[in-house]
Amino acid sequence: MAIKNTKKTTAGRPPKFAEASSPVTVTLPLRILAALQQVDEDRAKAIVKCTEALVDSALADRKQVEIIKVLEGAGLIIIAPCPSLHKLSGLRLIEIAPLRFLLVIMKGYSPHALELDIMDLIESLAPEENEERGLLNELRRELSLHRRQESIESGEILFVDI
């Protein structure tokens, strides 16, 4: 989503950023405001610095799809953000770290069905959605590999009402 600042600044305060920007109002916990103050006296600049640092570091070294070891001989598939996967009713993406999501297959939805649904999603993407297409292709390949090796097992995660 591109945000443009259509307002031309000729008088008053100089722009804070050398790119298009837009004013926003947010409510933040006092401890976060205090932490932002340590990053930069200007809250907007502090938010930008923190966001850029988080996003840049989270994306720099991480694959879009990776398997992390959780037990001897067992791993979990972790992915980067992928908006089109939210369309799948049998799948939940649980954010376990900034920009890192755990795939949770709901009861009655199989890894095989997930693989087929991902193929359908890939076909439905617009041509310019290359990053998402790449992630989905990588996830499909990973699922396909483990399906053929018969190395997919499902387990359970306990969820509690809060």
N, C-alpha and C. Protein backbone atom coordinates (compact mmCIF):
# COMPACT_ATOMS: atom_id res chain seq x y z
N MET A 1 0.85 -1.17 0.00
CA MET A 1 0.00 0.00 0.00
C MET A 1 0.89 1.23 0.00
N ALA A 2 0.81 1.99 -1.05
CA ALA A 2 1.62 3.20 -1.16
C ALA A 2 0.86 4.37 -0.54
N ILE A 3 1.56 5.13 0.26
CA ILE A 3 0.97 6.31 0.88
C ILE A 3 1.68 7.52 0.31
N LYS A 4 0.92 8.43 -0.22
CA LYS A 4 1.51 9.63 -0.79
C LYS A 4 1.15 10.84 0.05
N ASN A 5 2.07 11.72 0.17
CA ASN A 5 1.82 12.98 0.83
C ASN A 5 1.53 13.98 -0.29
N THR A 6 0.26 14.32 -0.45
CA THR A 6 -0.12 15.21 -1.54
C THR A 6 0.01 16.67 -1.15
N LYS A 7 0.28 16.91 0.09
CA LYS A 7 0.39 18.26 0.61
C LYS A 7 1.77 18.83 0.28
N LYS A 8 1.82 19.98 -0.37
CA LYS A 8 3.10 20.62 -0.66
C LYS A 8 3.48 21.52 0.49
N THR A 9 4.69 21.32 0.98
CA THR A 9 5.15 22.11 2.11
C THR A 9 5.93 23.32 1.59
N THR A 10 5.38 24.49 1.87
CA THR A 10 6.07 25.71 1.46
C THR A 10 6.44 26.54 2.67
N ALA A 11 5.69 26.40 3.74
CA ALA A 11 5.97 27.15 4.96
C ALA A 11 5.77 26.22 6.14
N GLY A 12 6.22 26.64 7.29
CA GLY A 12 6.04 25.83 8.48
C GLY A 12 7.20 24.88 8.70
N ARG A 13 6.90 23.80 9.37
CA ARG A 13 7.91 22.83 9.74
C ARG A 13 8.44 22.09 8.49
N PRO A 14 9.75 21.89 8.41
CA PRO A 14 10.30 21.14 7.27
C PRO A 14 9.89 19.66 7.38
N PRO A 15 9.83 18.97 6.25
CA PRO A 15 9.45 17.55 6.30
C PRO A 15 10.48 16.73 7.09
N LYS A 16 9.99 15.70 7.81
CA LYS A 16 10.87 14.85 8.62
C LYS A 16 11.60 13.83 7.76
N PHE A 17 10.98 13.43 6.66
CA PHE A 17 11.52 12.35 5.86
C PHE A 17 11.66 12.80 4.41
N ALA A 18 12.62 12.21 3.72
CA ALA A 18 12.89 12.57 2.34
C ALA A 18 12.05 11.76 1.36
N GLU A 19 10.99 11.14 1.85
CA GLU A 19 10.11 10.34 1.01
C GLU A 19 8.66 10.65 1.39
N ALA A 20 7.73 10.15 0.61
CA ALA A 20 6.32 10.38 0.89
C ALA A 20 5.99 9.90 2.30
N SER A 21 5.19 10.66 3.02
CA SER A 21 4.82 10.28 4.38
C SER A 21 3.40 10.75 4.65
N SER A 22 2.87 10.26 5.75
CA SER A 22 1.50 10.59 6.11
C SER A 22 1.38 10.62 7.63
N PRO A 23 0.63 11.57 8.17
CA PRO A 23 0.46 11.59 9.63
C PRO A 23 -0.46 10.45 10.07
N VAL A 24 -0.15 9.88 11.23
CA VAL A 24 -0.99 8.83 11.81
C VAL A 24 -1.11 9.10 13.30
N THR A 25 -2.16 8.57 13.89
CA THR A 25 -2.34 8.67 15.33
C THR A 25 -2.37 7.26 15.88
N VAL A 26 -1.52 6.99 16.86
CA VAL A 26 -1.49 5.67 17.48
C VAL A 26 -1.49 5.83 18.99
N THR A 27 -2.01 4.82 19.66
CA THR A 27 -1.96 4.77 21.11
C THR A 27 -0.96 3.69 21.48
N LEU A 28 0.05 4.07 22.25
CA LEU A 28 1.11 3.14 22.62
C LEU A 28 1.23 3.07 24.13
N PRO A 29 1.67 1.92 24.66
CA PRO A 29 1.92 1.82 26.10
C PRO A 29 3.02 2.80 26.51
N LEU A 30 2.95 3.30 27.73
CA LEU A 30 3.93 4.27 28.22
C LEU A 30 5.36 3.72 28.19
N ARG A 31 5.53 2.43 28.47
CA ARG A 31 6.87 1.85 28.45
C ARG A 31 7.45 1.88 27.04
N ILE A 32 6.61 1.73 26.02
CA ILE A 32 7.07 1.78 24.62
C ILE A 32 7.44 3.21 24.26
N LEU A 33 6.63 4.15 24.73
CA LEU A 33 6.96 5.56 24.48
C LEU A 33 8.30 5.93 25.11
N ALA A 34 8.53 5.42 26.31
CA ALA A 34 9.81 5.69 26.98
C ALA A 34 10.97 5.05 26.21
N ALA A 35 10.76 3.84 25.72
CA ALA A 35 11.80 3.16 24.94
C ALA A 35 12.07 3.90 23.63
N LEU A 36 11.02 4.38 22.98
CA LEU A 36 11.18 5.13 21.74
C LEU A 36 11.96 6.42 21.98
N GLN A 37 11.74 7.04 23.13
CA GLN A 37 12.44 8.26 23.50
C GLN A 37 13.95 8.03 23.55
N GLN A 38 14.35 6.82 23.95
CA GLN A 38 15.77 6.49 24.00
C GLN A 38 16.36 6.31 22.60
N VAL A 39 15.53 5.94 21.64
CA VAL A 39 15.99 5.75 20.26
C VAL A 39 16.15 7.09 19.56
N ASP A 40 15.15 7.97 19.73
CA ASP A 40 15.19 9.29 19.10
C ASP A 40 14.18 10.17 19.83
N GLU A 41 14.52 11.42 20.04
CA GLU A 41 13.60 12.33 20.71
C GLU A 41 12.31 12.52 19.91
N ASP A 42 12.42 12.44 18.60
CA ASP A 42 11.26 12.56 17.72
C ASP A 42 10.63 11.17 17.60
N ARG A 43 9.38 11.05 18.06
CA ARG A 43 8.73 9.74 18.07
C ARG A 43 8.61 9.13 16.68
N ALA A 44 8.26 9.94 15.71
CA ALA A 44 8.11 9.42 14.35
C ALA A 44 9.44 8.84 13.86
N LYS A 45 10.52 9.56 14.08
CA LYS A 45 11.83 9.07 13.65
C LYS A 45 12.22 7.81 14.42
N ALA A 46 11.88 7.76 15.70
CA ALA A 46 12.18 6.58 16.50
C ALA A 46 11.41 5.36 15.97
N ILE A 47 10.15 5.54 15.64
CA ILE A 47 9.35 4.43 15.10
C ILE A 47 9.93 3.95 13.78
N VAL A 48 10.32 4.90 12.91
CA VAL A 48 10.91 4.53 11.62
C VAL A 48 12.22 3.77 11.84
N LYS A 49 13.07 4.25 12.73
CA LYS A 49 14.35 3.57 12.99
C LYS A 49 14.14 2.15 13.50
N CYS A 50 13.22 2.00 14.44
CA CYS A 50 12.96 0.67 15.00
C CYS A 50 12.38 -0.27 13.95
N THR A 51 11.44 0.23 13.18
CA THR A 51 10.81 -0.59 12.15
C THR A 51 11.82 -1.02 11.10
N GLU A 52 12.62 -0.08 10.63
CA GLU A 52 13.62 -0.42 9.61
C GLU A 52 14.64 -1.41 10.15
N ALA A 53 15.05 -1.23 11.38
CA ALA A 53 16.03 -2.16 11.97
C ALA A 53 15.44 -3.56 12.11
N LEU A 54 14.20 -3.63 12.56
CA LEU A 54 13.55 -4.93 12.74
C LEU A 54 13.33 -5.61 11.41
N VAL A 55 12.74 -4.92 10.47
CA VAL A 55 12.42 -5.51 9.18
C VAL A 55 13.68 -5.88 8.42
N ASP A 56 14.66 -5.00 8.38
CA ASP A 56 15.90 -5.28 7.68
C ASP A 56 16.61 -6.50 8.26
N SER A 57 16.70 -6.57 9.59
CA SER A 57 17.40 -7.70 10.20
C SER A 57 16.59 -8.98 10.08
N ALA A 58 15.28 -8.88 10.16
CA ALA A 58 14.44 -10.08 10.07
C ALA A 58 14.47 -10.67 8.67
N LEU A 59 14.59 -9.83 7.66
CA LEU A 59 14.57 -10.32 6.29
C LEU A 59 15.96 -10.63 5.75
N ALA A 60 16.99 -10.03 6.32
CA ALA A 60 18.34 -10.15 5.76
C ALA A 60 18.85 -11.58 5.71
N ASP A 61 18.81 -12.28 6.80
CA ASP A 61 19.44 -13.59 6.88
C ASP A 61 18.46 -14.75 6.83
N ARG A 62 17.20 -14.47 6.79
CA ARG A 62 16.23 -15.54 6.88
C ARG A 62 15.67 -15.91 5.52
N LYS A 63 15.44 -17.19 5.39
CA LYS A 63 14.79 -17.70 4.19
C LYS A 63 13.30 -17.41 4.30
N GLN A 64 12.62 -17.42 3.18
CA GLN A 64 11.17 -17.23 3.22
C GLN A 64 10.48 -18.45 3.82
N VAL A 65 11.05 -19.62 3.56
CA VAL A 65 10.53 -20.87 4.11
C VAL A 65 11.71 -21.60 4.73
N GLU A 66 11.58 -21.99 5.98
CA GLU A 66 12.67 -22.74 6.60
C GLU A 66 12.11 -23.76 7.57
N ILE A 67 12.89 -24.77 7.80
CA ILE A 67 12.51 -25.79 8.78
C ILE A 67 13.44 -25.62 9.97
N ILE A 68 12.83 -25.42 11.13
CA ILE A 68 13.64 -25.29 12.34
C ILE A 68 13.49 -26.56 13.17
N LYS A 69 14.61 -27.02 13.67
CA LYS A 69 14.62 -28.25 14.47
C LYS A 69 14.00 -27.96 15.84
N VAL A 70 13.06 -28.82 16.24
CA VAL A 70 12.44 -28.67 17.57
C VAL A 70 12.70 -29.87 18.46
N LEU A 71 12.92 -31.02 17.85
CA LEU A 71 13.25 -32.25 18.55
C LEU A 71 14.24 -33.02 17.68
N GLU A 72 14.87 -34.01 18.23
CA GLU A 72 15.75 -34.84 17.41
C GLU A 72 14.91 -35.50 16.31
N GLY A 73 15.27 -35.19 15.07
CA GLY A 73 14.56 -35.77 13.93
C GLY A 73 13.25 -35.11 13.57
N ALA A 74 12.92 -33.99 14.21
CA ALA A 74 11.65 -33.32 13.92
C ALA A 74 11.85 -31.82 13.80
N GLY A 75 11.16 -31.23 12.86
CA GLY A 75 11.24 -29.79 12.66
C GLY A 75 9.88 -29.21 12.33
N LEU A 76 9.81 -27.91 12.42
CA LEU A 76 8.59 -27.17 12.08
C LEU A 76 8.87 -26.28 10.88
N ILE A 77 7.87 -26.13 10.03
CA ILE A 77 8.00 -25.22 8.90
C ILE A 77 7.62 -23.83 9.38
N ILE A 78 8.52 -22.89 9.16
CA ILE A 78 8.32 -21.49 9.52
C ILE A 78 8.43 -20.68 8.24
N ILE A 79 7.52 -19.72 8.06
CA ILE A 79 7.54 -18.94 6.83
C ILE A 79 7.52 -17.44 7.12
N ALA A 80 7.88 -16.67 6.11
CA ALA A 80 7.76 -15.22 6.15
C ALA A 80 6.28 -14.87 5.92
N PRO A 81 5.89 -13.62 6.07
CA PRO A 81 4.50 -13.24 5.84
C PRO A 81 4.05 -13.62 4.42
N CYS A 82 2.81 -14.11 4.33
CA CYS A 82 2.25 -14.52 3.05
C CYS A 82 0.74 -14.29 3.09
N PRO A 83 0.29 -13.11 2.69
CA PRO A 83 -1.14 -12.77 2.79
C PRO A 83 -2.08 -13.76 2.12
N SER A 84 -1.70 -14.34 1.00
CA SER A 84 -2.63 -15.23 0.30
C SER A 84 -2.93 -16.50 1.08
N LEU A 85 -2.02 -16.93 1.96
CA LEU A 85 -2.28 -18.14 2.75
C LEU A 85 -3.43 -17.92 3.75
N HIS A 86 -3.71 -16.68 4.08
CA HIS A 86 -4.83 -16.40 5.00
C HIS A 86 -6.17 -16.75 4.37
N LYS A 87 -6.20 -16.93 3.06
CA LYS A 87 -7.44 -17.30 2.35
C LYS A 87 -7.83 -18.75 2.59
N LEU A 88 -6.90 -19.57 3.05
CA LEU A 88 -7.16 -20.99 3.23
C LEU A 88 -7.82 -21.23 4.59
N SER A 89 -9.06 -21.70 4.55
CA SER A 89 -9.84 -21.83 5.79
C SER A 89 -9.29 -22.89 6.74
N GLY A 90 -8.56 -23.86 6.24
CA GLY A 90 -8.03 -24.92 7.10
C GLY A 90 -6.64 -24.65 7.64
N LEU A 91 -6.13 -23.44 7.38
CA LEU A 91 -4.78 -23.11 7.78
C LEU A 91 -4.77 -21.84 8.62
N ARG A 92 -3.97 -21.84 9.66
CA ARG A 92 -3.75 -20.64 10.46
C ARG A 92 -2.26 -20.34 10.45
N LEU A 93 -1.93 -19.06 10.38
CA LEU A 93 -0.55 -18.62 10.48
C LEU A 93 -0.39 -17.97 11.84
N ILE A 94 0.46 -18.53 12.66
CA ILE A 94 0.67 -18.03 14.01
C ILE A 94 2.02 -17.32 14.04
N GLU A 95 2.00 -16.02 14.35
CA GLU A 95 3.24 -15.26 14.40
C GLU A 95 4.00 -15.63 15.67
N ILE A 96 5.16 -16.23 15.48
CA ILE A 96 5.95 -16.67 16.63
C ILE A 96 7.13 -15.76 16.90
N ALA A 97 7.45 -14.92 15.95
CA ALA A 97 8.50 -13.90 16.06
C ALA A 97 8.16 -12.87 15.00
N PRO A 98 8.71 -11.67 15.10
CA PRO A 98 8.39 -10.69 14.06
C PRO A 98 8.70 -11.23 12.66
N LEU A 99 7.69 -11.21 11.81
CA LEU A 99 7.78 -11.63 10.41
C LEU A 99 8.07 -13.12 10.24
N ARG A 100 7.81 -13.93 11.27
CA ARG A 100 8.00 -15.38 11.19
C ARG A 100 6.73 -16.06 11.65
N PHE A 101 6.20 -16.97 10.82
CA PHE A 101 4.91 -17.58 11.09
C PHE A 101 5.00 -19.10 11.08
N LEU A 102 4.31 -19.70 12.03
CA LEU A 102 4.17 -21.14 12.13
C LEU A 102 2.89 -21.52 11.40
N LEU A 103 2.96 -22.59 10.60
CA LEU A 103 1.77 -23.09 9.91
C LEU A 103 1.02 -24.03 10.84
N VAL A 104 -0.25 -23.76 11.05
CA VAL A 104 -1.08 -24.63 11.87
C VAL A 104 -2.23 -25.12 11.01
N ILE A 105 -2.26 -26.44 10.82
CA ILE A 105 -3.33 -27.05 10.02
C ILE A 105 -4.45 -27.42 10.97
N MET A 106 -5.64 -26.95 10.66
CA MET A 106 -6.79 -27.20 11.52
C MET A 106 -7.31 -28.62 11.29
N LYS A 107 -8.09 -29.12 12.25
CA LYS A 107 -8.65 -30.47 12.16
C LYS A 107 -9.41 -30.64 10.85
N GLY A 108 -9.18 -31.77 10.22
CA GLY A 108 -9.88 -32.08 8.98
C GLY A 108 -9.20 -31.57 7.73
N TYR A 109 -8.10 -30.84 7.89
CA TYR A 109 -7.35 -30.29 6.75
C TYR A 109 -6.01 -31.01 6.72
N SER A 110 -5.67 -31.58 5.59
CA SER A 110 -4.45 -32.40 5.52
C SER A 110 -3.31 -31.65 4.84
N PRO A 111 -2.08 -32.08 5.09
CA PRO A 111 -0.94 -31.51 4.37
C PRO A 111 -1.08 -31.67 2.86
N HIS A 112 -1.71 -32.76 2.42
CA HIS A 112 -1.91 -32.99 0.99
C HIS A 112 -2.86 -31.93 0.42
N ALA A 113 -3.94 -31.65 1.16
CA ALA A 113 -4.89 -30.62 0.72
C ALA A 113 -4.22 -29.25 0.71
N LEU A 114 -3.36 -29.00 1.69
CA LEU A 114 -2.62 -27.74 1.75
C LEU A 114 -1.76 -27.59 0.51
N GLU A 115 -1.06 -28.64 0.13
CA GLU A 115 -0.20 -28.59 -1.05
C GLU A 115 -1.01 -28.25 -2.31
N LEU A 116 -2.15 -28.88 -2.48
CA LEU A 116 -3.01 -28.60 -3.64
C LEU A 116 -3.55 -27.17 -3.59
N ASP A 117 -3.95 -26.73 -2.42
CA ASP A 117 -4.47 -25.37 -2.29
C ASP A 117 -3.38 -24.33 -2.59
N ILE A 118 -2.15 -24.62 -2.20
CA ILE A 118 -1.04 -23.70 -2.51
C ILE A 118 -0.84 -23.61 -4.02
N MET A 119 -0.96 -24.73 -4.70
CA MET A 119 -0.84 -24.72 -6.16
C MET A 119 -1.92 -23.84 -6.78
N ASP A 120 -3.14 -23.93 -6.25
CA ASP A 120 -4.24 -23.08 -6.74
C ASP A 120 -3.95 -21.61 -6.45
N LEU A 121 -3.42 -21.32 -5.27
CA LEU A 121 -3.08 -19.93 -4.93
C LEU A 121 -2.03 -19.37 -5.89
N ILE A 122 -1.03 -20.17 -6.20
CA ILE A 122 0.02 -19.73 -7.12
C ILE A 122 -0.58 -19.35 -8.46
N GLU A 123 -1.48 -20.17 -8.95
CA GLU A 123 -2.13 -19.90 -10.24
C GLU A 123 -2.98 -18.64 -10.21
N SER A 124 -3.53 -18.31 -9.04
CA SER A 124 -4.44 -17.16 -8.94
C SER A 124 -3.73 -15.83 -8.71
N LEU A 125 -2.42 -15.87 -8.44
CA LEU A 125 -1.69 -14.63 -8.16
C LEU A 125 -1.54 -13.78 -9.42
N ALA A 126 -1.56 -12.48 -9.22
CA ALA A 126 -1.31 -11.54 -10.31
C ALA A 126 0.16 -11.64 -10.72
N PRO A 127 0.47 -11.33 -11.96
CA PRO A 127 1.86 -11.45 -12.45
C PRO A 127 2.87 -10.66 -11.62
N GLU A 128 2.48 -9.53 -11.05
CA GLU A 128 3.44 -8.70 -10.31
C GLU A 128 3.69 -9.19 -8.88
N GLU A 129 3.00 -10.22 -8.44
CA GLU A 129 3.16 -10.72 -7.07
C GLU A 129 4.28 -11.77 -7.00
N ASN A 130 5.46 -11.37 -7.45
CA ASN A 130 6.59 -12.30 -7.55
C ASN A 130 7.10 -12.79 -6.21
N GLU A 131 7.16 -11.91 -5.21
CA GLU A 131 7.69 -12.31 -3.91
C GLU A 131 6.79 -13.37 -3.27
N GLU A 132 5.48 -13.12 -3.33
CA GLU A 132 4.54 -14.09 -2.76
C GLU A 132 4.57 -15.40 -3.55
N ARG A 133 4.65 -15.30 -4.86
CA ARG A 133 4.73 -16.49 -5.71
C ARG A 133 5.98 -17.31 -5.35
N GLY A 134 7.10 -16.62 -5.14
CA GLY A 134 8.33 -17.31 -4.76
C GLY A 134 8.19 -18.05 -3.45
N LEU A 135 7.59 -17.41 -2.45
CA LEU A 135 7.38 -18.04 -1.16
C LEU A 135 6.48 -19.25 -1.30
N LEU A 136 5.37 -19.10 -2.02
CA LEU A 136 4.43 -20.21 -2.18
C LEU A 136 5.06 -21.37 -2.94
N ASN A 137 5.84 -21.08 -3.97
CA ASN A 137 6.53 -22.15 -4.71
C ASN A 137 7.52 -22.88 -3.81
N GLU A 138 8.24 -22.12 -3.01
CA GLU A 138 9.21 -22.74 -2.09
C GLU A 138 8.50 -23.61 -1.06
N LEU A 139 7.38 -23.13 -0.52
CA LEU A 139 6.61 -23.90 0.45
C LEU A 139 6.03 -25.15 -0.20
N ARG A 140 5.51 -25.02 -1.41
CA ARG A 140 4.96 -26.18 -2.13
C ARG A 140 6.04 -27.23 -2.37
N ARG A 141 7.24 -26.78 -2.78
CA ARG A 141 8.35 -27.72 -3.01
C ARG A 141 8.72 -28.45 -1.72
N GLU A 142 8.75 -27.71 -0.62
CA GLU A 142 9.11 -28.31 0.68
C GLU A 142 8.06 -29.35 1.08
N LEU A 143 6.79 -29.01 0.96
CA LEU A 143 5.71 -29.95 1.30
C LEU A 143 5.75 -31.16 0.39
N SER A 144 5.97 -30.93 -0.90
CA SER A 144 6.02 -32.02 -1.88
C SER A 144 7.17 -32.98 -1.57
N LEU A 145 8.33 -32.43 -1.27
CA LEU A 145 9.50 -33.24 -0.93
C LEU A 145 9.21 -34.15 0.25
N HIS A 146 8.66 -33.57 1.31
CA HIS A 146 8.39 -34.36 2.52
C HIS A 146 7.24 -35.34 2.32
N ARG A 147 6.28 -34.99 1.48
CA ARG A 147 5.19 -35.92 1.17
C ARG A 147 5.74 -37.13 0.44
N ARG A 148 6.58 -36.90 -0.56
CA ARG A 148 7.16 -38.02 -1.34
C ARG A 148 8.06 -38.89 -0.47
N GLN A 149 8.75 -38.28 0.48
CA GLN A 149 9.62 -39.04 1.38
C GLN A 149 8.83 -39.64 2.55
N GLU A 150 7.56 -39.37 2.56
CA GLU A 150 6.68 -39.81 3.65
C GLU A 150 7.22 -39.40 5.01
N SER A 151 7.68 -38.14 5.06
CA SER A 151 8.28 -37.64 6.29
C SER A 151 7.47 -36.49 6.89
N ILE A 152 6.17 -36.47 6.60
CA ILE A 152 5.29 -35.47 7.21
C ILE A 152 4.49 -36.17 8.29
N GLU A 153 4.53 -35.62 9.47
CA GLU A 153 3.72 -36.10 10.58
C GLU A 153 2.98 -34.93 11.16
N SER A 154 1.80 -35.15 11.60
CA SER A 154 1.10 -34.07 12.27
C SER A 154 1.18 -34.29 13.77
N GLY A 155 1.10 -33.22 14.48
CA GLY A 155 1.11 -33.27 15.94
C GLY A 155 0.04 -32.33 16.44
N GLU A 156 0.03 -32.07 17.67
CA GLU A 156 -0.97 -31.18 18.22
C GLU A 156 -0.29 -30.06 19.00
N ILE A 157 -0.87 -28.91 18.90
CA ILE A 157 -0.45 -27.78 19.71
C ILE A 157 -1.64 -27.46 20.60
N LEU A 158 -1.37 -27.20 21.85
CA LEU A 158 -2.45 -26.89 22.77
C LEU A 158 -2.76 -25.38 22.71
N PHE A 159 -4.00 -25.07 22.44
CA PHE A 159 -4.46 -23.69 22.47
C PHE A 159 -5.41 -23.57 23.67
N VAL A 160 -5.34 -22.46 24.35
CA VAL A 160 -6.25 -22.22 25.46
C VAL A 160 -7.00 -20.92 25.22
N ASP A 161 -8.21 -20.86 25.74
CA ASP A 161 -8.98 -19.63 25.63
C ASP A 161 -8.37 -18.58 26.54
N ILE A 162 -8.24 -17.36 26.04
CA ILE A 162 -7.71 -16.28 26.87
C ILE A 162 -8.66 -15.08 26.82
